[in-house]
Amino acid sequence: MTEPRALDEPLTDTELDELEVFLASDAVPQDCMDLEMLDGYLTAIASAPEQIQPSEWLLHVWSEGGKASTPAFSGTEQTQRIMGLMLRHMAGIERTLAESPTRFKPLLYVAEATAQPPERTPPEGTAWCEGYMSGVKLRDEEWQPLYDVDHARDWIFPIEALAFGDHDDDFTEWVDSDEKREGLIEELPVAAVLIYRFWQDRRRAAQATGTGTRRSVLADTARKSRQRLH
């Protein structure tokens, strides 16, 4: 069982392997996210316009669309262990984005042609970006300001292209060669950092201006209440 203080510690390679094995096991629903998709998903949640509670985002890890389906944990200890690993992984992602942005790297699988027929091998980067966009989808409307800013819209484009390019005509031409796909993959680390900073800057600006506004509203409400009493 993970101690509370361990939530401040990044996952070791062994712990990442442990989480990966669980996500690929028979204990989870068939449409459960794999580790690459989870990494993208948690990156979007860590970068989101507002905080999203685990009770909401966790459902979408186990099953696409947040269906009412949960793993067959062996017991409370395993439940807490897996949850602890995921929470620590997200904390590690956010810490890297905030404190060591040049070290941020999406966790991407490199498909092996010998592992399965080539036509069934998922293109590199697709799962991570699909996971990221699943995180965006949790707060579609709140993410709109990023799309409304031209240069910020460019940051999320490579993520969208890799997530949707294989089945969306609007993006197909951007991923129709290995060279184009590799170019987009190279943009992912910087794009993720810039998107994270975009929302952090907006949060700080809202807090700076919102504090005075809230106090003014509260004072005005209190004044009107006193007038009604008299």
Protein backbone atom coordinates (compact mmCIF):
# COMPACT_ATOMS: atom_id res chain seq x y z
CA MET A 1 0.00 0.00 0.00
CA THR A 2 1.33 3.46 -0.94
CA GLU A 3 2.12 5.77 1.96
CA PRO A 4 0.60 9.31 1.73
CA ARG A 5 4.02 10.95 1.44
CA ALA A 6 4.75 8.80 -1.62
CA LEU A 7 2.23 10.87 -3.58
CA ASP A 8 5.04 13.43 -3.92
CA GLU A 9 7.37 10.90 -5.50
CA PRO A 10 7.48 10.12 -9.24
CA LEU A 11 6.85 6.55 -10.30
CA THR A 12 9.86 4.34 -10.77
CA ASP A 13 10.25 2.25 -13.92
CA THR A 14 9.19 -0.78 -11.90
CA GLU A 15 6.02 0.97 -10.73
CA LEU A 16 5.22 2.09 -14.28
CA ASP A 17 5.58 -1.54 -15.37
CA GLU A 18 3.27 -2.59 -12.52
CA LEU A 19 0.62 -0.10 -13.61
CA GLU A 20 1.02 -1.09 -17.26
CA VAL A 21 0.56 -4.78 -16.45
CA PHE A 22 -2.59 -4.07 -14.45
CA LEU A 23 -4.13 -1.95 -17.23
CA ALA A 24 -3.53 -4.80 -19.67
CA SER A 25 -4.80 -7.53 -17.37
CA ASP A 26 -8.06 -9.47 -17.35
CA ALA A 27 -9.06 -7.53 -14.22
CA VAL A 28 -10.01 -4.45 -16.26
CA PRO A 29 -12.72 -3.95 -18.92
CA GLN A 30 -11.66 -4.65 -22.49
CA ASP A 31 -11.82 -0.97 -23.46
CA CYS A 32 -9.69 0.18 -20.52
CA MET A 33 -6.96 2.72 -21.35
CA ASP A 34 -3.44 1.40 -21.75
CA LEU A 35 -0.50 3.18 -20.11
CA GLU A 36 0.25 5.40 -23.12
CA MET A 37 -3.35 6.59 -23.38
CA LEU A 38 -3.53 7.10 -19.61
CA ASP A 39 -0.39 9.25 -19.76
CA GLY A 40 -1.97 11.53 -22.36
CA TYR A 41 -5.27 11.61 -20.47
CA LEU A 42 -3.64 12.58 -17.17
CA THR A 43 -1.52 15.21 -18.93
CA ALA A 44 -4.70 16.90 -20.19
CA ILE A 45 -6.33 16.69 -16.76
CA ALA A 46 -3.23 18.13 -15.07
CA SER A 47 -3.32 20.98 -17.62
CA ALA A 48 -7.07 21.59 -17.58
CA PRO A 49 -8.79 25.00 -17.07
CA GLU A 50 -10.14 23.75 -13.76
CA GLN A 51 -9.47 20.94 -11.32
CA ILE A 52 -11.22 17.65 -12.08
CA GLN A 53 -11.76 15.20 -9.24
CA PRO A 54 -10.61 11.56 -9.54
CA SER A 55 -14.18 10.42 -8.92
CA GLU A 56 -15.03 11.90 -12.34
CA TRP A 57 -11.99 11.18 -14.49
CA LEU A 58 -11.37 7.68 -13.18
CA LEU A 59 -14.52 6.27 -14.79
CA HIS A 60 -13.14 7.09 -18.24
CA VAL A 61 -9.90 5.25 -17.52
CA TRP A 62 -11.66 1.95 -17.03
CA SER A 63 -14.08 2.24 -19.91
CA GLU A 64 -14.54 4.50 -22.93
CA GLY A 65 -17.26 7.06 -22.38
CA GLY A 66 -17.22 6.53 -18.60
CA LYS A 67 -19.52 3.52 -18.72
CA ALA A 68 -20.48 1.95 -15.41
CA SER A 69 -17.67 -0.60 -15.41
CA THR A 70 -14.86 -1.04 -12.89
CA PRO A 71 -11.90 -3.41 -12.51
CA ALA A 72 -12.14 -6.63 -10.57
CA PHE A 73 -9.68 -5.61 -7.89
CA SER A 74 -8.40 -8.41 -5.68
CA GLY A 75 -9.15 -6.35 -2.60
CA THR A 76 -8.89 -2.98 -0.88
CA GLU A 77 -5.10 -3.08 -0.83
CA GLN A 78 -4.85 -3.47 -4.61
CA THR A 79 -7.49 -0.78 -5.16
CA GLN A 80 -5.50 1.70 -3.07
CA ARG A 81 -2.24 0.62 -4.68
CA ILE A 82 -3.41 1.20 -8.27
CA MET A 83 -5.13 4.47 -7.37
CA GLY A 84 -1.99 5.63 -5.60
CA LEU A 85 0.11 4.86 -8.67
CA MET A 86 -2.20 6.81 -10.96
CA LEU A 87 -2.41 9.82 -8.65
CA ARG A 88 1.35 9.88 -8.24
CA HIS A 89 1.81 9.63 -11.99
CA MET A 90 -0.47 12.62 -12.57
CA ALA A 91 1.30 14.58 -9.82
CA GLY A 92 4.61 13.78 -11.48
CA ILE A 93 3.34 14.96 -14.86
CA GLU A 94 2.11 18.25 -13.40
CA ARG A 95 5.32 18.81 -11.47
CA THR A 96 7.40 18.27 -14.60
CA LEU A 97 5.23 20.62 -16.66
CA ALA A 98 5.49 23.29 -13.99
CA GLU A 99 9.04 22.94 -12.71
CA SER A 100 11.07 21.10 -15.36
CA PRO A 101 9.27 21.71 -18.68
CA THR A 102 12.33 20.87 -20.79
CA ARG A 103 12.27 17.37 -19.29
CA PHE A 104 8.65 16.67 -20.15
CA LYS A 105 8.18 13.79 -22.59
CA PRO A 106 4.95 12.00 -23.50
CA LEU A 107 5.08 8.31 -22.68
CA LEU A 108 4.84 6.81 -26.17
CA TYR A 109 4.98 3.19 -27.23
CA VAL A 110 7.08 2.35 -30.27
CA ALA A 111 5.07 -0.18 -32.24
CA GLU A 112 6.95 -3.36 -33.15
CA ALA A 113 6.08 -4.69 -36.59
CA THR A 114 6.78 -8.24 -35.43
CA ALA A 115 4.31 -8.07 -32.57
CA GLN A 116 1.22 -8.19 -34.76
CA PRO A 117 0.25 -7.70 -38.41
CA PRO A 118 1.29 -4.20 -39.63
CA GLU A 119 -2.28 -3.21 -40.43
CA ARG A 120 -3.23 -3.83 -36.78
CA THR A 121 -0.27 -1.99 -35.30
CA PRO A 122 -1.47 1.33 -33.79
CA PRO A 123 0.43 4.29 -35.28
CA GLU A 124 2.91 5.84 -32.85
CA GLY A 125 1.52 8.73 -30.82
CA THR A 126 -2.13 7.98 -31.56
CA ALA A 127 -3.04 6.46 -28.19
CA TRP A 128 -1.36 9.24 -26.20
CA CYS A 129 -3.16 11.93 -28.20
CA GLU A 130 -6.49 10.09 -28.01
CA GLY A 131 -6.05 10.00 -24.24
CA TYR A 132 -5.24 13.71 -24.15
CA MET A 133 -8.32 14.59 -26.19
CA SER A 134 -10.45 12.41 -23.90
CA GLY A 135 -9.23 14.61 -21.06
CA VAL A 136 -10.15 17.73 -23.03
CA LYS A 137 -13.61 16.29 -23.69
CA LEU A 138 -14.33 16.22 -19.95
CA ARG A 139 -14.47 20.03 -20.05
CA ASP A 140 -15.19 20.86 -23.71
CA GLU A 141 -16.72 24.28 -23.09
CA GLU A 142 -14.05 25.34 -20.60
CA TRP A 143 -11.31 24.56 -23.14
CA GLN A 144 -12.87 26.83 -25.79
CA PRO A 145 -10.78 29.94 -24.91
CA LEU A 146 -7.66 28.10 -26.03
CA TYR A 147 -9.24 27.41 -29.42
CA ASP A 148 -10.23 31.07 -29.71
CA VAL A 149 -6.59 32.24 -29.56
CA ASP A 150 -4.86 31.66 -32.92
CA HIS A 151 -1.38 30.83 -31.65
CA ALA A 152 -2.77 28.67 -28.82
CA ARG A 153 -4.98 26.83 -31.30
CA ASP A 154 -1.77 25.87 -33.12
CA TRP A 155 -0.46 24.17 -29.96
CA ILE A 156 -3.27 21.65 -29.72
CA PHE A 157 -3.37 20.97 -33.46
CA PRO A 158 -0.65 18.26 -33.50
CA ILE A 159 -2.45 16.47 -30.66
CA GLU A 160 -5.74 16.56 -32.58
CA ALA A 161 -4.09 15.49 -35.85
CA LEU A 162 -2.46 12.44 -34.27
CA ALA A 163 -5.61 11.55 -32.33
CA PHE A 164 -8.07 11.87 -35.21
CA GLY A 165 -6.01 11.78 -38.40
CA ASP A 166 -6.61 8.12 -39.17
CA HIS A 167 -10.40 8.52 -39.26
CA ASP A 168 -11.12 12.22 -39.79
CA ASP A 169 -10.72 13.77 -43.24
CA ASP A 170 -9.91 17.17 -41.70
CA PHE A 171 -6.64 15.77 -40.37
CA THR A 172 -5.78 12.89 -42.71
CA GLU A 173 -3.37 14.85 -44.90
CA TRP A 174 -1.30 15.76 -41.84
CA VAL A 175 -0.56 12.12 -40.90
CA ASP A 176 -0.45 10.39 -44.28
CA SER A 177 3.28 9.74 -44.14
CA ASP A 178 5.79 8.65 -41.51
CA GLU A 179 7.67 11.92 -41.92
CA LYS A 180 4.58 14.03 -41.21
CA ARG A 181 3.64 11.90 -38.21
CA GLU A 182 7.17 12.12 -36.80
CA GLY A 183 7.09 15.90 -37.21
CA LEU A 184 3.88 16.14 -35.19
CA ILE A 185 5.23 13.79 -32.52
CA GLU A 186 8.27 16.02 -32.11
CA GLU A 187 5.92 18.94 -31.37
CA LEU A 188 4.05 17.17 -28.56
CA PRO A 189 6.35 18.00 -25.60
CA VAL A 190 6.45 21.72 -26.35
CA ALA A 191 2.72 21.79 -27.16
CA ALA A 192 1.83 20.16 -23.84
CA VAL A 193 4.01 22.60 -21.88
CA LEU A 194 2.59 25.66 -23.66
CA ILE A 195 -0.99 24.49 -23.14
CA TYR A 196 -0.29 23.92 -19.45
CA ARG A 197 1.17 27.44 -19.13
CA PHE A 198 -1.77 28.93 -21.02
CA TRP A 199 -4.26 27.68 -18.43
CA GLN A 200 -2.00 28.43 -15.49
CA ASP A 201 -1.64 32.04 -16.67
CA ARG A 202 -5.43 32.34 -17.06
CA ARG A 203 -5.99 30.89 -13.60
CA ARG A 204 -3.58 33.36 -12.03
CA ALA A 205 -5.16 36.27 -13.91
CA ALA A 206 -8.65 35.18 -12.85
CA GLN A 207 -7.58 34.87 -9.23
CA ALA A 208 -5.92 38.29 -9.30
CA THR A 209 -8.98 40.04 -10.72
CA GLY A 210 -11.60 37.79 -9.18
CA THR A 211 -10.63 38.34 -5.57
CA GLY A 212 -11.49 42.02 -5.67
CA THR A 213 -14.64 41.34 -7.65
CA ARG A 214 -15.87 38.75 -5.17
CA ARG A 215 -15.21 41.07 -2.24
CA SER A 216 -17.10 43.87 -3.97
CA VAL A 217 -20.08 41.61 -4.68
CA LEU A 218 -20.13 40.31 -1.11
CA ALA A 219 -19.93 43.83 0.31
CA ASP A 220 -22.73 45.01 -1.96
CA THR A 221 -24.90 42.03 -0.99
CA ALA A 222 -24.30 42.66 2.71
CA ARG A 223 -25.15 46.34 2.30
CA LYS A 224 -28.45 45.54 0.54
CA SER A 225 -29.30 43.01 3.25
CA ARG A 226 -28.78 45.63 5.95
CA GLN A 227 -31.01 48.06 4.03
CA ARG A 228 -33.80 45.48 3.87
CA LEU A 229 -33.52 44.89 7.61
CA HIS A 230 -33.98 48.59 8.29
